[in-house]
C-alpha atoms as a PDB file:
ATOM      1  CA  MET A   1      -6.721  -9.343   6.126  1.00  0.00           C
ATOM      2  CA  VAL A   2      -6.837  -5.970   7.861  1.00  0.00           C
ATOM      3  CA  ASP A   3      -8.367  -3.107   5.872  1.00  0.00           C
ATOM      4  CA  LEU A   4      -5.311  -0.902   5.310  1.00  0.00           C
ATOM      5  CA  SER A   5      -7.381   2.257   4.936  1.00  0.00           C
ATOM      6  CA  LYS A   6      -8.481   1.879   8.571  1.00  0.00           C
ATOM      7  CA  LYS A   7      -4.929   1.350   9.845  1.00  0.00           C
ATOM      8  CA  ARG A   8      -3.603   4.447  11.627  1.00  0.00           C
ATOM      9  CA  ASN A   9      -1.192   6.805   9.930  1.00  0.00           C
ATOM     10  CA  GLY A  10       2.419   6.365  11.012  1.00  0.00           C
ATOM     11  CA  ARG A  11       2.111   2.577  11.371  1.00  0.00           C
ATOM     12  CA  LYS A  12       4.461   0.130   9.661  1.00  0.00           C
ATOM     13  CA  ILE A  13       2.997  -1.944   6.835  1.00  0.00           C
ATOM     14  CA  ASN A  14       4.307  -4.826   4.759  1.00  0.00           C
ATOM     15  CA  VAL A  15       2.201  -5.780   1.702  1.00  0.00           C
ATOM     16  CA  LEU A  16       2.530  -7.411  -1.698  1.00  0.00           C
ATOM     17  CA  TYR A  17       1.709  -5.217  -4.715  1.00  0.00           C
ATOM     18  CA  PRO A  18       1.979  -5.827  -8.484  1.00  0.00           C
ATOM     19  CA  ALA A  19       5.269  -4.606  -9.975  1.00  0.00           C
ATOM     20  CA  GLY A  20       4.538  -1.584 -12.150  1.00  0.00           C
ATOM     21  CA  GLY A  21       0.958  -1.567 -10.858  1.00  0.00           C
ATOM     22  CA  ASN A  22      -0.478  -4.029 -13.384  1.00  0.00           C
ATOM     23  CA  LYS A  23       1.798  -7.076 -13.764  1.00  0.00           C
ATOM     24  CA  ASN A  24       1.435 -10.599 -12.456  1.00  0.00           C
ATOM     25  CA  VAL A  25       4.796 -10.264 -10.685  1.00  0.00           C
ATOM     26  CA  LEU A  26       4.484  -9.156  -7.063  1.00  0.00           C
ATOM     27  CA  ARG A  27       6.888  -6.985  -5.102  1.00  0.00           C
ATOM     28  CA  SER A  28       7.042  -6.431  -1.384  1.00  0.00           C
ATOM     29  CA  VAL A  29       6.275  -2.910  -0.181  1.00  0.00           C
ATOM     30  CA  ASN A  30       7.639  -2.170   3.303  1.00  0.00           C
ATOM     31  CA  GLY A  31       7.243   1.194   4.955  1.00  0.00           C
ATOM     32  CA  ILE A  32       5.152   3.601   6.964  1.00  0.00           C
ATOM     33  CA  LYS A  33       1.590   4.564   6.054  1.00  0.00           C
ATOM     34  CA  LEU A  34       1.349   8.323   5.559  1.00  0.00           C
ATOM     35  CA  LYS A  35      -2.306   8.782   4.583  1.00  0.00           C
ATOM     36  CA  SER A  36      -5.329   7.141   2.979  1.00  0.00           C
ATOM     37  CA  GLY A  37      -8.159   8.415   0.867  1.00  0.00           C
ATOM     38  CA  THR A  38     -10.728   7.771  -1.815  1.00  0.00           C
ATOM     39  CA  GLY A  39     -10.147   8.867  -5.393  1.00  0.00           C
ATOM     40  CA  ARG A  40     -12.133   8.323  -8.541  1.00  0.00           C
ATOM     41  CA  ASN A  41     -10.486   4.898  -8.994  1.00  0.00           C
ATOM     42  CA  GLY A  42     -11.276   3.743  -5.456  1.00  0.00           C
ATOM     43  CA  LYS A  43      -9.526   3.670  -2.078  1.00  0.00           C
ATOM     44  CA  TYR A  44      -5.773   4.207  -1.848  1.00  0.00           C
ATOM     45  CA  ILE A  45      -2.996   4.571   0.710  1.00  0.00           C
ATOM     46  CA  THR A  46       0.241   6.530   0.531  1.00  0.00           C
ATOM     47  CA  VAL A  47       3.315   4.741   1.874  1.00  0.00           C
ATOM     48  CA  GLN A  48       6.856   5.970   2.510  1.00  0.00           C
ATOM     49  CA  GLU A  49       9.138   3.008   1.878  1.00  0.00           C
ATOM     50  CA  THR A  50      12.197   2.282   4.001  1.00  0.00           C
ATOM     51  CA  ASN A  51      14.444   3.626   1.203  1.00  0.00           C
ATOM     52  CA  GLY A  52      12.650   7.003   1.312  1.00  0.00           C
ATOM     53  CA  GLN A  53      10.455   6.678  -1.786  1.00  0.00           C
ATOM     54  CA  ILE A  54       6.802   7.678  -1.432  1.00  0.00           C
ATOM     55  CA  ARG A  55       4.288   5.480  -3.253  1.00  0.00           C
ATOM     56  CA  SER A  56       0.542   5.561  -3.683  1.00  0.00           C
ATOM     57  CA  LEU A  57      -1.086   2.104  -3.678  1.00  0.00           C
ATOM     58  CA  THR A  58      -4.612   1.269  -4.830  1.00  0.00           C
ATOM     59  CA  LEU A  59      -6.198  -1.015  -2.223  1.00  0.00           C
ATOM     60  CA  SER A  60      -8.013  -3.127  -4.818  1.00  0.00           C
ATOM     61  CA  LYS A  61      -4.605  -4.214  -6.195  1.00  0.00           C
ATOM     62  CA  VAL A  62      -3.033  -5.127  -2.835  1.00  0.00           C
ATOM     63  CA  VAL A  63      -2.776  -8.920  -2.946  1.00  0.00           C
ATOM     64  CA  SER A  64      -1.810  -9.883   0.570  1.00  0.00           C
ATOM     65  CA  SER A  65      -1.096  -8.176   3.842  1.00  0.00           C
ATOM     66  CA  LEU A  66       1.836  -9.739   5.641  1.00  0.00           C
ATOM     67  CA  SER A  67       1.453  -7.901   8.948  1.00  0.00           C
END
């Protein structure tokens, strides 16, 4: 699996992430990576989904990278 924090900004990503951030049900997140960083809870990336929503994803919760 590619470390998503090292992937360049503006690249397309397709990952699985827990629905609501903490459930055992996974949802697919498709979009463009806007930025990455390190907060007090660990590394994260910010993604703009294809429908226009902007989401912040914690990398420790990303289950699988599909691309």
